[in-house]
Amino acid sequence: MSTSTDPAADPLEVLELGAGRIQHVHLNDLDPELAKQVREHGEDYNEAVSLGLFKPLGEGMAKVDRVVEGLRSTRYRGWYTLRQETRLASADDRPLGRISRSLEYLLPLLS
C-alpha cells in the first residue's frame, strides 16, 4: 500500500481503495514516537499504552481530519466509533478529559 519505509497502512490510501464499501470507522490517534518504539524496537505494547500511546483525536500522528474529509466526499453515512484506549493506573483515574478533547476536535469535522 504505502511506498514509504513505514510498514503501517496509510489510512487515506485505505479509504481510496475501499470507497463505497466502508461500513463503519474506528477513529483513534497515536503518539508517533511511542508507536515507532513499539513497531521498530519491540517495546511492550501495554507499557506504551500506559505511557500514552493513544492520544486524543488531533493530538497525534493520524490524519483524522483528512480521513473524515475523505469519507464525507464519498458520501459516507456509516458509523464513526471514537476509540480512546488507555490503561488506568488506578480505579481513581478518569479518562474523560481525553475523550472530551477528542469530541471537541471531531464534532466540527462532522458538522
N, C-alpha and C. Protein backbone atom coordinates (compact mmCIF):
# COMPACT_ATOMS: atom_id res chain seq x y z
N MET A 1 0.80 -1.19 0.00
CA MET A 1 0.00 0.00 0.00
C MET A 1 0.85 1.25 0.00
N SER A 2 1.53 1.50 1.07
CA SER A 2 2.34 2.69 1.18
C SER A 2 3.72 2.43 0.59
N THR A 3 4.25 3.42 -0.09
CA THR A 3 5.56 3.24 -0.70
C THR A 3 6.67 3.69 0.23
N SER A 4 6.33 4.24 1.37
CA SER A 4 7.36 4.67 2.32
C SER A 4 7.93 3.46 3.06
N THR A 5 8.94 3.71 3.88
CA THR A 5 9.53 2.63 4.66
C THR A 5 8.69 2.29 5.88
N ASP A 6 7.69 3.08 6.17
CA ASP A 6 6.80 2.84 7.30
C ASP A 6 5.84 1.71 6.92
N PRO A 7 5.85 0.59 7.68
CA PRO A 7 5.01 -0.55 7.33
C PRO A 7 3.53 -0.33 7.59
N ALA A 8 3.17 0.72 8.30
CA ALA A 8 1.76 0.96 8.62
C ALA A 8 1.02 1.42 7.37
N ALA A 9 -0.21 0.99 7.23
CA ALA A 9 -1.04 1.39 6.10
C ALA A 9 -1.42 2.85 6.24
N ASP A 10 -1.41 3.56 5.15
CA ASP A 10 -1.86 4.95 5.13
C ASP A 10 -3.38 4.95 5.09
N PRO A 11 -4.03 5.54 6.09
CA PRO A 11 -5.50 5.48 6.13
C PRO A 11 -6.15 6.14 4.91
N LEU A 12 -5.49 7.12 4.32
CA LEU A 12 -6.06 7.76 3.14
C LEU A 12 -6.01 6.82 1.94
N GLU A 13 -4.97 6.00 1.84
CA GLU A 13 -4.90 5.00 0.77
C GLU A 13 -5.96 3.93 0.98
N VAL A 14 -6.15 3.51 2.22
CA VAL A 14 -7.18 2.51 2.53
C VAL A 14 -8.55 3.07 2.18
N LEU A 15 -8.79 4.33 2.52
CA LEU A 15 -10.06 4.98 2.21
C LEU A 15 -10.29 5.00 0.70
N GLU A 16 -9.26 5.34 -0.05
CA GLU A 16 -9.39 5.38 -1.51
C GLU A 16 -9.71 4.00 -2.08
N LEU A 17 -9.02 2.99 -1.59
CA LEU A 17 -9.25 1.63 -2.07
C LEU A 17 -10.62 1.07 -1.68
N GLY A 18 -11.12 1.48 -0.51
CA GLY A 18 -12.37 0.92 -0.01
C GLY A 18 -13.58 1.82 -0.17
N ALA A 19 -13.41 2.94 -0.86
CA ALA A 19 -14.52 3.90 -1.01
C ALA A 19 -15.78 3.18 -1.51
N GLY A 20 -16.87 3.47 -0.84
CA GLY A 20 -18.15 2.86 -1.20
C GLY A 20 -18.42 1.54 -0.51
N ARG A 21 -17.41 0.95 0.09
CA ARG A 21 -17.60 -0.34 0.77
C ARG A 21 -17.42 -0.23 2.28
N ILE A 22 -17.00 0.92 2.77
CA ILE A 22 -16.74 1.10 4.20
C ILE A 22 -18.06 1.21 4.94
N GLN A 23 -18.22 0.38 5.97
CA GLN A 23 -19.47 0.33 6.73
C GLN A 23 -19.39 1.06 8.07
N HIS A 24 -18.23 1.06 8.69
CA HIS A 24 -18.03 1.79 9.94
C HIS A 24 -16.56 2.13 10.07
N VAL A 25 -16.27 3.13 10.88
CA VAL A 25 -14.91 3.65 11.01
C VAL A 25 -14.55 3.75 12.49
N HIS A 26 -13.37 3.28 12.83
CA HIS A 26 -12.83 3.45 14.18
C HIS A 26 -11.81 4.57 14.12
N LEU A 27 -12.03 5.62 14.90
CA LEU A 27 -11.11 6.76 14.91
C LEU A 27 -10.28 6.72 16.18
N ASN A 28 -8.97 6.81 16.00
CA ASN A 28 -8.08 7.00 17.13
C ASN A 28 -6.84 7.70 16.63
N ASP A 29 -6.00 8.13 17.54
CA ASP A 29 -4.79 8.87 17.19
C ASP A 29 -3.64 8.32 18.01
N LEU A 30 -2.45 8.43 17.49
CA LEU A 30 -1.26 7.83 18.11
C LEU A 30 -0.14 8.82 18.34
N ASP A 31 0.60 8.58 19.39
CA ASP A 31 1.85 9.30 19.61
C ASP A 31 2.89 8.71 18.65
N PRO A 32 3.47 9.51 17.77
CA PRO A 32 4.36 8.95 16.75
C PRO A 32 5.62 8.29 17.32
N GLU A 33 6.20 8.85 18.35
CA GLU A 33 7.42 8.28 18.91
C GLU A 33 7.17 6.96 19.62
N LEU A 34 6.11 6.90 20.40
CA LEU A 34 5.79 5.64 21.08
C LEU A 34 5.40 4.56 20.08
N ALA A 35 4.65 4.94 19.05
CA ALA A 35 4.28 3.96 18.02
C ALA A 35 5.52 3.40 17.34
N LYS A 36 6.48 4.26 17.07
CA LYS A 36 7.73 3.82 16.44
C LYS A 36 8.50 2.87 17.35
N GLN A 37 8.54 3.17 18.64
CA GLN A 37 9.24 2.31 19.59
C GLN A 37 8.61 0.92 19.65
N VAL A 38 7.29 0.87 19.65
CA VAL A 38 6.59 -0.42 19.69
C VAL A 38 6.86 -1.19 18.40
N ARG A 39 6.72 -0.50 17.27
CA ARG A 39 6.84 -1.15 15.97
C ARG A 39 8.27 -1.58 15.66
N GLU A 40 9.23 -0.69 15.88
CA GLU A 40 10.60 -0.97 15.45
C GLU A 40 11.49 -1.60 16.51
N HIS A 41 11.18 -1.34 17.77
CA HIS A 41 12.08 -1.81 18.82
C HIS A 41 11.46 -2.83 19.76
N GLY A 42 10.23 -3.23 19.43
CA GLY A 42 9.59 -4.26 20.24
C GLY A 42 9.26 -3.83 21.65
N GLU A 43 9.10 -2.52 21.85
CA GLU A 43 8.70 -2.05 23.17
C GLU A 43 7.37 -2.70 23.56
N ASP A 44 7.16 -2.90 24.83
CA ASP A 44 5.96 -3.54 25.32
C ASP A 44 4.72 -2.69 25.01
N TYR A 45 3.78 -3.28 24.31
CA TYR A 45 2.56 -2.58 23.91
C TYR A 45 1.79 -2.05 25.13
N ASN A 46 1.59 -2.90 26.13
CA ASN A 46 0.84 -2.48 27.31
C ASN A 46 1.51 -1.31 28.01
N GLU A 47 2.84 -1.34 28.09
CA GLU A 47 3.57 -0.23 28.70
C GLU A 47 3.40 1.03 27.86
N ALA A 48 3.46 0.88 26.54
CA ALA A 48 3.29 2.04 25.66
C ALA A 48 1.90 2.65 25.83
N VAL A 49 0.88 1.81 25.98
CA VAL A 49 -0.47 2.32 26.21
C VAL A 49 -0.50 3.09 27.53
N SER A 50 0.16 2.55 28.55
CA SER A 50 0.23 3.24 29.85
C SER A 50 0.92 4.59 29.74
N LEU A 51 1.88 4.68 28.83
CA LEU A 51 2.64 5.92 28.65
C LEU A 51 1.96 6.91 27.72
N GLY A 52 0.81 6.55 27.17
CA GLY A 52 0.06 7.48 26.33
C GLY A 52 0.19 7.24 24.84
N LEU A 53 0.32 5.99 24.42
CA LEU A 53 0.41 5.65 23.00
C LEU A 53 -0.77 6.24 22.22
N PHE A 54 -1.96 6.10 22.77
CA PHE A 54 -3.15 6.62 22.11
C PHE A 54 -3.45 8.01 22.63
N LYS A 55 -3.55 8.95 21.70
CA LYS A 55 -3.77 10.36 22.02
C LYS A 55 -5.21 10.74 21.71
N PRO A 56 -5.68 11.84 22.30
CA PRO A 56 -6.97 12.37 21.86
C PRO A 56 -6.88 12.74 20.37
N LEU A 57 -7.99 12.64 19.68
CA LEU A 57 -8.01 12.94 18.25
C LEU A 57 -7.43 14.33 18.00
N GLY A 58 -6.59 14.41 16.98
CA GLY A 58 -5.98 15.69 16.61
C GLY A 58 -4.69 15.98 17.32
N GLU A 59 -4.30 15.16 18.29
CA GLU A 59 -3.09 15.40 19.07
C GLU A 59 -1.96 14.43 18.73
N GLY A 60 -2.18 13.58 17.76
CA GLY A 60 -1.17 12.59 17.39
C GLY A 60 -0.85 12.65 15.91
N MET A 61 -0.38 11.52 15.39
CA MET A 61 0.09 11.47 14.01
C MET A 61 -0.98 11.12 12.99
N ALA A 62 -2.13 10.66 13.43
CA ALA A 62 -3.18 10.26 12.50
C ALA A 62 -3.72 11.48 11.76
N LYS A 63 -4.16 11.25 10.57
CA LYS A 63 -4.71 12.31 9.72
C LYS A 63 -6.23 12.29 9.84
N VAL A 64 -6.73 12.42 11.05
CA VAL A 64 -8.16 12.26 11.31
C VAL A 64 -8.97 13.26 10.49
N ASP A 65 -8.55 14.50 10.44
CA ASP A 65 -9.30 15.50 9.69
C ASP A 65 -9.37 15.15 8.21
N ARG A 66 -8.28 14.67 7.65
CA ARG A 66 -8.26 14.30 6.24
C ARG A 66 -9.07 13.04 5.97
N VAL A 67 -9.06 12.11 6.92
CA VAL A 67 -9.87 10.89 6.77
C VAL A 67 -11.35 11.24 6.79
N VAL A 68 -11.77 12.05 7.76
CA VAL A 68 -13.18 12.45 7.83
C VAL A 68 -13.57 13.21 6.57
N GLU A 69 -12.71 14.11 6.13
CA GLU A 69 -12.99 14.86 4.89
C GLU A 69 -13.13 13.90 3.70
N GLY A 70 -12.24 12.92 3.61
CA GLY A 70 -12.31 11.94 2.53
C GLY A 70 -13.58 11.12 2.60
N LEU A 71 -13.98 10.72 3.79
CA LEU A 71 -15.21 9.96 3.95
C LEU A 71 -16.43 10.79 3.55
N ARG A 72 -16.42 12.03 3.94
CA ARG A 72 -17.55 12.91 3.60
C ARG A 72 -17.65 13.10 2.09
N SER A 73 -16.50 13.17 1.42
CA SER A 73 -16.51 13.36 -0.03
C SER A 73 -17.08 12.15 -0.77
N THR A 74 -17.05 10.97 -0.12
CA THR A 74 -17.63 9.77 -0.72
C THR A 74 -19.07 9.55 -0.25
N ARG A 75 -19.61 10.54 0.46
CA ARG A 75 -20.98 10.48 0.99
C ARG A 75 -21.15 9.35 2.00
N TYR A 76 -20.11 9.08 2.75
CA TYR A 76 -20.15 8.05 3.80
C TYR A 76 -21.23 8.42 4.82
N ARG A 77 -22.08 7.47 5.15
CA ARG A 77 -23.15 7.70 6.13
C ARG A 77 -23.15 6.63 7.21
N GLY A 78 -22.04 5.92 7.35
CA GLY A 78 -21.97 4.85 8.35
C GLY A 78 -21.60 5.37 9.72
N TRP A 79 -21.23 4.45 10.56
CA TRP A 79 -20.88 4.74 11.95
C TRP A 79 -19.45 5.24 12.08
N TYR A 80 -19.24 6.15 13.02
CA TYR A 80 -17.91 6.54 13.49
C TYR A 80 -17.81 6.07 14.93
N THR A 81 -16.76 5.37 15.25
CA THR A 81 -16.51 4.94 16.62
C THR A 81 -15.26 5.65 17.11
N LEU A 82 -15.39 6.33 18.22
CA LEU A 82 -14.25 7.01 18.83
C LEU A 82 -13.57 6.02 19.76
N ARG A 83 -12.27 5.81 19.53
CA ARG A 83 -11.51 4.87 20.37
C ARG A 83 -10.49 5.66 21.17
N GLN A 84 -10.47 5.44 22.47
CA GLN A 84 -9.51 6.10 23.34
C GLN A 84 -8.95 5.07 24.31
N GLU A 85 -8.09 4.18 23.76
CA GLU A 85 -7.51 3.15 24.60
C GLU A 85 -6.58 3.79 25.63
N THR A 86 -6.68 3.27 26.83
CA THR A 86 -5.83 3.76 27.91
C THR A 86 -5.72 2.67 28.96
N ARG A 87 -4.65 2.72 29.70
CA ARG A 87 -4.51 1.83 30.87
C ARG A 87 -4.53 2.73 32.09
N LEU A 88 -5.47 2.50 32.94
CA LEU A 88 -5.61 3.34 34.12
C LEU A 88 -4.69 2.84 35.22
N ALA A 89 -3.99 3.78 35.83
CA ALA A 89 -3.06 3.43 36.91
C ALA A 89 -3.82 2.97 38.15
N SER A 90 -5.02 3.49 38.34
CA SER A 90 -5.83 3.08 39.49
C SER A 90 -7.30 3.26 39.14
N ALA A 91 -8.14 2.79 40.01
CA ALA A 91 -9.59 2.93 39.81
C ALA A 91 -10.03 4.38 39.91
N ASP A 92 -9.16 5.24 40.44
CA ASP A 92 -9.49 6.66 40.58
C ASP A 92 -9.20 7.46 39.31
N ASP A 93 -8.45 6.90 38.37
CA ASP A 93 -8.15 7.59 37.12
C ASP A 93 -9.42 7.78 36.32
N ARG A 94 -9.53 8.92 35.68
CA ARG A 94 -10.71 9.24 34.87
C ARG A 94 -10.24 9.73 33.50
N PRO A 95 -10.50 8.95 32.44
CA PRO A 95 -10.06 9.34 31.10
C PRO A 95 -11.00 10.30 30.38
N LEU A 96 -11.99 10.85 31.06
CA LEU A 96 -12.98 11.68 30.39
C LEU A 96 -12.39 12.93 29.76
N GLY A 97 -11.32 13.47 30.31
CA GLY A 97 -10.69 14.65 29.72
C GLY A 97 -10.19 14.37 28.32
N ARG A 98 -9.56 13.23 28.12
CA ARG A 98 -9.06 12.87 26.79
C ARG A 98 -10.21 12.62 25.83
N ILE A 99 -11.26 12.00 26.30
CA ILE A 99 -12.42 11.74 25.46
C ILE A 99 -13.08 13.06 25.07
N SER A 100 -13.20 13.97 26.02
CA SER A 100 -13.79 15.29 25.74
C SER A 100 -12.98 16.04 24.69
N ARG A 101 -11.65 16.00 24.80
CA ARG A 101 -10.80 16.69 23.81
C ARG A 101 -10.99 16.07 22.43
N SER A 102 -11.12 14.75 22.37
CA SER A 102 -11.36 14.09 21.08
C SER A 102 -12.69 14.53 20.48
N LEU A 103 -13.73 14.59 21.29
CA LEU A 103 -15.03 15.01 20.80
C LEU A 103 -15.01 16.47 20.35
N GLU A 104 -14.32 17.32 21.09
CA GLU A 104 -14.21 18.74 20.70
C GLU A 104 -13.51 18.87 19.36
N TYR A 105 -12.57 18.01 19.07
CA TYR A 105 -11.87 18.02 17.79
C TYR A 105 -12.76 17.46 16.67
N LEU A 106 -13.46 16.38 16.95
CA LEU A 106 -14.20 15.65 15.92
C LEU A 106 -15.51 16.31 15.52
N LEU A 107 -16.28 16.80 16.46
CA LEU A 107 -17.62 17.28 16.15
C LEU A 107 -17.65 18.37 15.07
N PRO A 108 -16.75 19.35 15.09
CA PRO A 108 -16.77 20.33 13.99
C PRO A 108 -16.45 19.71 12.62
N LEU A 109 -15.66 18.64 12.60
CA LEU A 109 -15.36 17.99 11.33
C LEU A 109 -16.58 17.29 10.74
N LEU A 110 -17.50 16.90 11.60
CA LEU A 110 -18.68 16.17 11.16
C LEU A 110 -19.86 17.08 10.85
N SER A 111 -19.76 18.34 11.23
CA SER A 111 -20.93 19.24 11.01
C SER A 111 -20.86 19.92 9.67
